[in-house]
Protein backbone atom coordinates (compact mmCIF):
# COMPACT_ATOMS: atom_id res chain seq x y z
CA MET A 1 185.23 122.40 151.36
CA GLY A 2 188.26 122.91 149.58
CA ALA A 3 189.45 126.06 147.92
CA SER A 4 188.64 126.50 144.29
CA GLU A 5 192.29 126.02 141.97
CA ASP A 6 192.23 129.79 141.44
CA GLU A 7 192.07 130.58 145.50
CA MET A 8 194.88 128.37 145.62
CA ARG A 9 197.09 129.83 143.04
CA PRO A 10 199.07 132.87 144.24
CA GLU A 11 198.97 136.35 142.93
CA ALA A 12 201.40 137.11 140.53
CA PRO A 13 201.18 140.80 140.22
CA PHE A 14 204.87 140.55 138.67
CA ASP A 15 203.92 139.19 136.07
CA ASP A 16 201.58 142.21 134.40
CA PHE A 17 204.29 141.71 131.43
CA GLY A 18 203.26 138.00 130.66
CA LEU A 19 207.10 137.29 131.29
CA VAL A 20 206.40 134.23 133.70
CA ALA A 21 203.70 132.72 131.27
CA ALA A 22 206.03 133.27 128.30
CA CYS A 23 208.84 131.61 129.84
CA ARG A 24 206.67 128.27 131.15
CA ARG A 25 205.40 128.05 127.30
CA LEU A 26 209.19 128.51 126.13
CA HIS A 27 210.17 125.77 128.61
CA ALA A 28 207.19 123.47 127.42
CA ALA A 29 208.41 123.79 123.45
CA ILE A 30 211.94 123.07 124.30
CA ASP A 31 210.56 120.18 126.42
CA LYS A 32 208.65 118.89 123.70
CA LEU A 33 211.40 119.52 121.08
CA ASP A 34 213.73 117.36 123.20
CA GLU A 35 211.28 114.75 123.74
CA THR A 36 210.98 114.70 119.89
CA ALA A 37 214.79 114.21 119.34
CA ALA A 38 215.36 111.78 122.11
CA ARG A 39 212.33 110.03 120.44
CA ALA A 40 213.65 110.18 116.78
CA ILE A 41 217.25 108.82 117.59
CA ASP A 42 215.92 106.27 119.78
CA ILE A 43 217.54 107.74 123.26
CA SER A 44 216.25 108.41 126.67
CA ARG A 45 215.56 112.05 128.14
CA ASN A 46 218.63 111.36 130.49
CA ASP A 47 220.65 110.31 127.37
CA LEU A 48 219.61 113.52 125.63
CA ARG A 49 220.60 115.32 128.39
CA CYS A 50 223.80 114.10 129.13
CA ILE A 51 224.42 115.09 125.39
CA ASN A 52 223.26 118.53 126.00
CA LEU A 53 225.95 119.02 128.83
CA LEU A 54 229.07 117.87 126.73
CA GLU A 55 228.48 120.10 124.05
CA ALA A 56 230.06 122.75 126.34
CA GLY A 57 233.08 120.06 126.24
CA PRO A 58 234.45 116.75 127.72
CA LYS A 59 233.41 116.44 131.04
CA ALA A 60 234.35 113.65 133.89
CA PRO A 61 231.77 110.84 134.32
CA SER A 62 231.44 111.93 137.94
CA ASP A 63 230.68 115.47 136.73
CA LEU A 64 227.90 114.30 134.64
CA ALA A 65 226.28 112.47 137.69
CA GLN A 66 226.22 115.19 139.85
CA ALA A 67 224.68 117.15 137.10
CA LEU A 68 222.25 114.58 136.00
CA GLY A 69 221.07 113.83 139.46
CA LEU A 70 222.39 110.34 138.80
CA THR A 71 224.57 107.59 140.28
CA ARG A 72 227.85 106.88 138.91
CA GLY A 73 226.69 103.32 138.10
CA SER A 74 224.00 104.66 136.28
CA VAL A 75 226.21 107.34 134.35
CA THR A 76 228.13 104.35 133.44
CA THR A 77 225.42 102.48 131.63
CA LEU A 78 224.12 105.47 130.34
CA LEU A 79 227.57 106.05 128.65
CA ASP A 80 228.33 102.47 127.65
CA ARG A 81 224.76 102.91 125.54
CA LEU A 82 225.67 106.27 124.07
CA GLU A 83 229.26 104.80 123.20
CA SER A 84 227.39 101.78 121.59
CA ARG A 85 225.76 103.86 119.54
CA GLY A 86 229.01 105.86 118.49
CA PHE A 87 227.82 109.13 119.94
CA VAL A 88 230.36 109.45 122.81
CA GLU A 89 233.84 108.42 123.55
CA ARG A 90 235.77 107.89 126.65
CA ILE A 91 239.12 109.45 126.80
CA ALA A 92 241.85 110.04 129.07
CA HIS A 93 242.17 113.54 131.09
CA PRO A 94 244.87 115.70 129.80
CA THR A 95 246.64 116.01 132.80
CA ASP A 96 245.30 113.28 135.49
CA ARG A 97 246.99 110.08 134.37
CA ARG A 98 243.82 108.20 136.43
CA GLY A 99 241.30 110.39 135.20
CA LEU A 100 238.98 109.75 132.46
CA ARG A 101 236.75 112.26 130.48
CA VAL A 102 233.85 111.83 128.04
CA LYS A 103 233.34 114.00 124.68
CA LEU A 104 230.99 113.55 122.04
CA LYS A 105 231.76 112.19 118.72
CA PRO A 106 230.46 113.89 115.36
CA ALA A 107 228.08 111.13 114.84
CA VAL A 108 225.89 112.45 117.31
CA PHE A 109 225.77 115.92 115.22
CA LYS A 110 224.87 114.20 112.30
CA GLU A 111 222.01 112.25 113.92
CA MET A 112 220.57 115.11 115.75
CA ALA A 113 220.41 117.28 112.90
CA GLY A 114 217.15 115.98 111.18
CA ILE A 115 215.30 117.69 114.32
CA TYR A 116 217.54 120.57 115.25
CA ARG A 117 219.05 122.03 112.45
CA PRO A 118 215.19 123.00 111.11
CA PHE A 119 215.00 125.01 114.12
CA GLY A 120 218.46 126.49 114.10
CA VAL A 121 217.65 127.88 110.52
CA SER A 122 214.25 129.44 112.00
CA LEU A 123 216.05 131.12 114.72
CA VAL A 124 218.56 132.54 112.06
CA GLU A 125 215.48 133.64 109.85
CA LEU A 126 214.15 135.62 113.09
CA ALA A 127 217.65 137.00 113.72
CA GLU A 128 217.93 138.34 110.11
CA GLU A 129 214.11 139.72 110.62
CA TYR A 130 214.82 141.31 113.99
CA GLY A 131 218.51 142.83 113.13
CA GLN A 132 221.51 142.68 114.92
CA ALA A 133 220.71 145.09 117.75
CA THR A 134 217.33 143.49 118.79
CA THR A 135 218.80 140.11 118.60
CA THR A 136 221.66 140.86 120.78
CA LEU A 137 219.23 142.22 123.37
CA LEU A 138 217.08 139.24 123.28
CA ALA A 139 220.03 137.27 123.69
CA GLN A 140 221.45 138.71 126.57
CA GLN A 141 217.80 138.92 128.11
CA LEU A 142 217.52 135.08 127.73
CA GLU A 143 221.03 134.69 129.21
CA THR A 144 219.83 136.68 132.17
CA ILE A 145 216.64 134.67 132.71
CA SER A 146 218.41 131.56 132.24
CA LEU A 147 220.49 132.64 135.22
CA GLU A 148 217.56 133.67 137.29
CA CYS A 149 216.37 129.80 136.63
CA GLU A 150 219.62 128.58 138.08
CA ARG A 151 219.70 131.02 140.95
CA ALA A 152 216.14 129.58 141.91
CA SER A 153 216.89 126.15 141.26
CA ASN A 154 219.82 126.65 143.72
CA HIS A 155 217.47 128.26 146.38
CA LYS A 156 216.49 126.43 149.38
CA ASN A 157 213.29 126.58 151.31
CA LYS A 158 213.36 127.71 154.73
């Protein structure tokens, strides 16, 4: 006879404040928002992940492949799709004549505005309600939690 689900679940005394549960809910909500956005403009989740990566600025296709966990060939196909939609363009690398970079085009922001703008407006309204000090602290805490997630994703089980 097997152990019950509760017996298999590790104890989480560190989550007395509900932080881990809140992070899981936040992740699920963002995941659902991204799924809605991808469906709304008829792109794949990997296409959307690529767009999200490019929001920070132009990147080399090889860097996108590594960040997305895809082969270079798959990223080429993904970029062809996004380019055909007018969402990205391939540009020359500024210092390497042989290099290529990919950048977002304004059309992608126009296409995504219907999904993400209402969310952004809601965040601004919350920030106004909370005030500058609380909003700044919240942003700092979210940055710290993001860094911890990145650190955990780089952890190797031994």
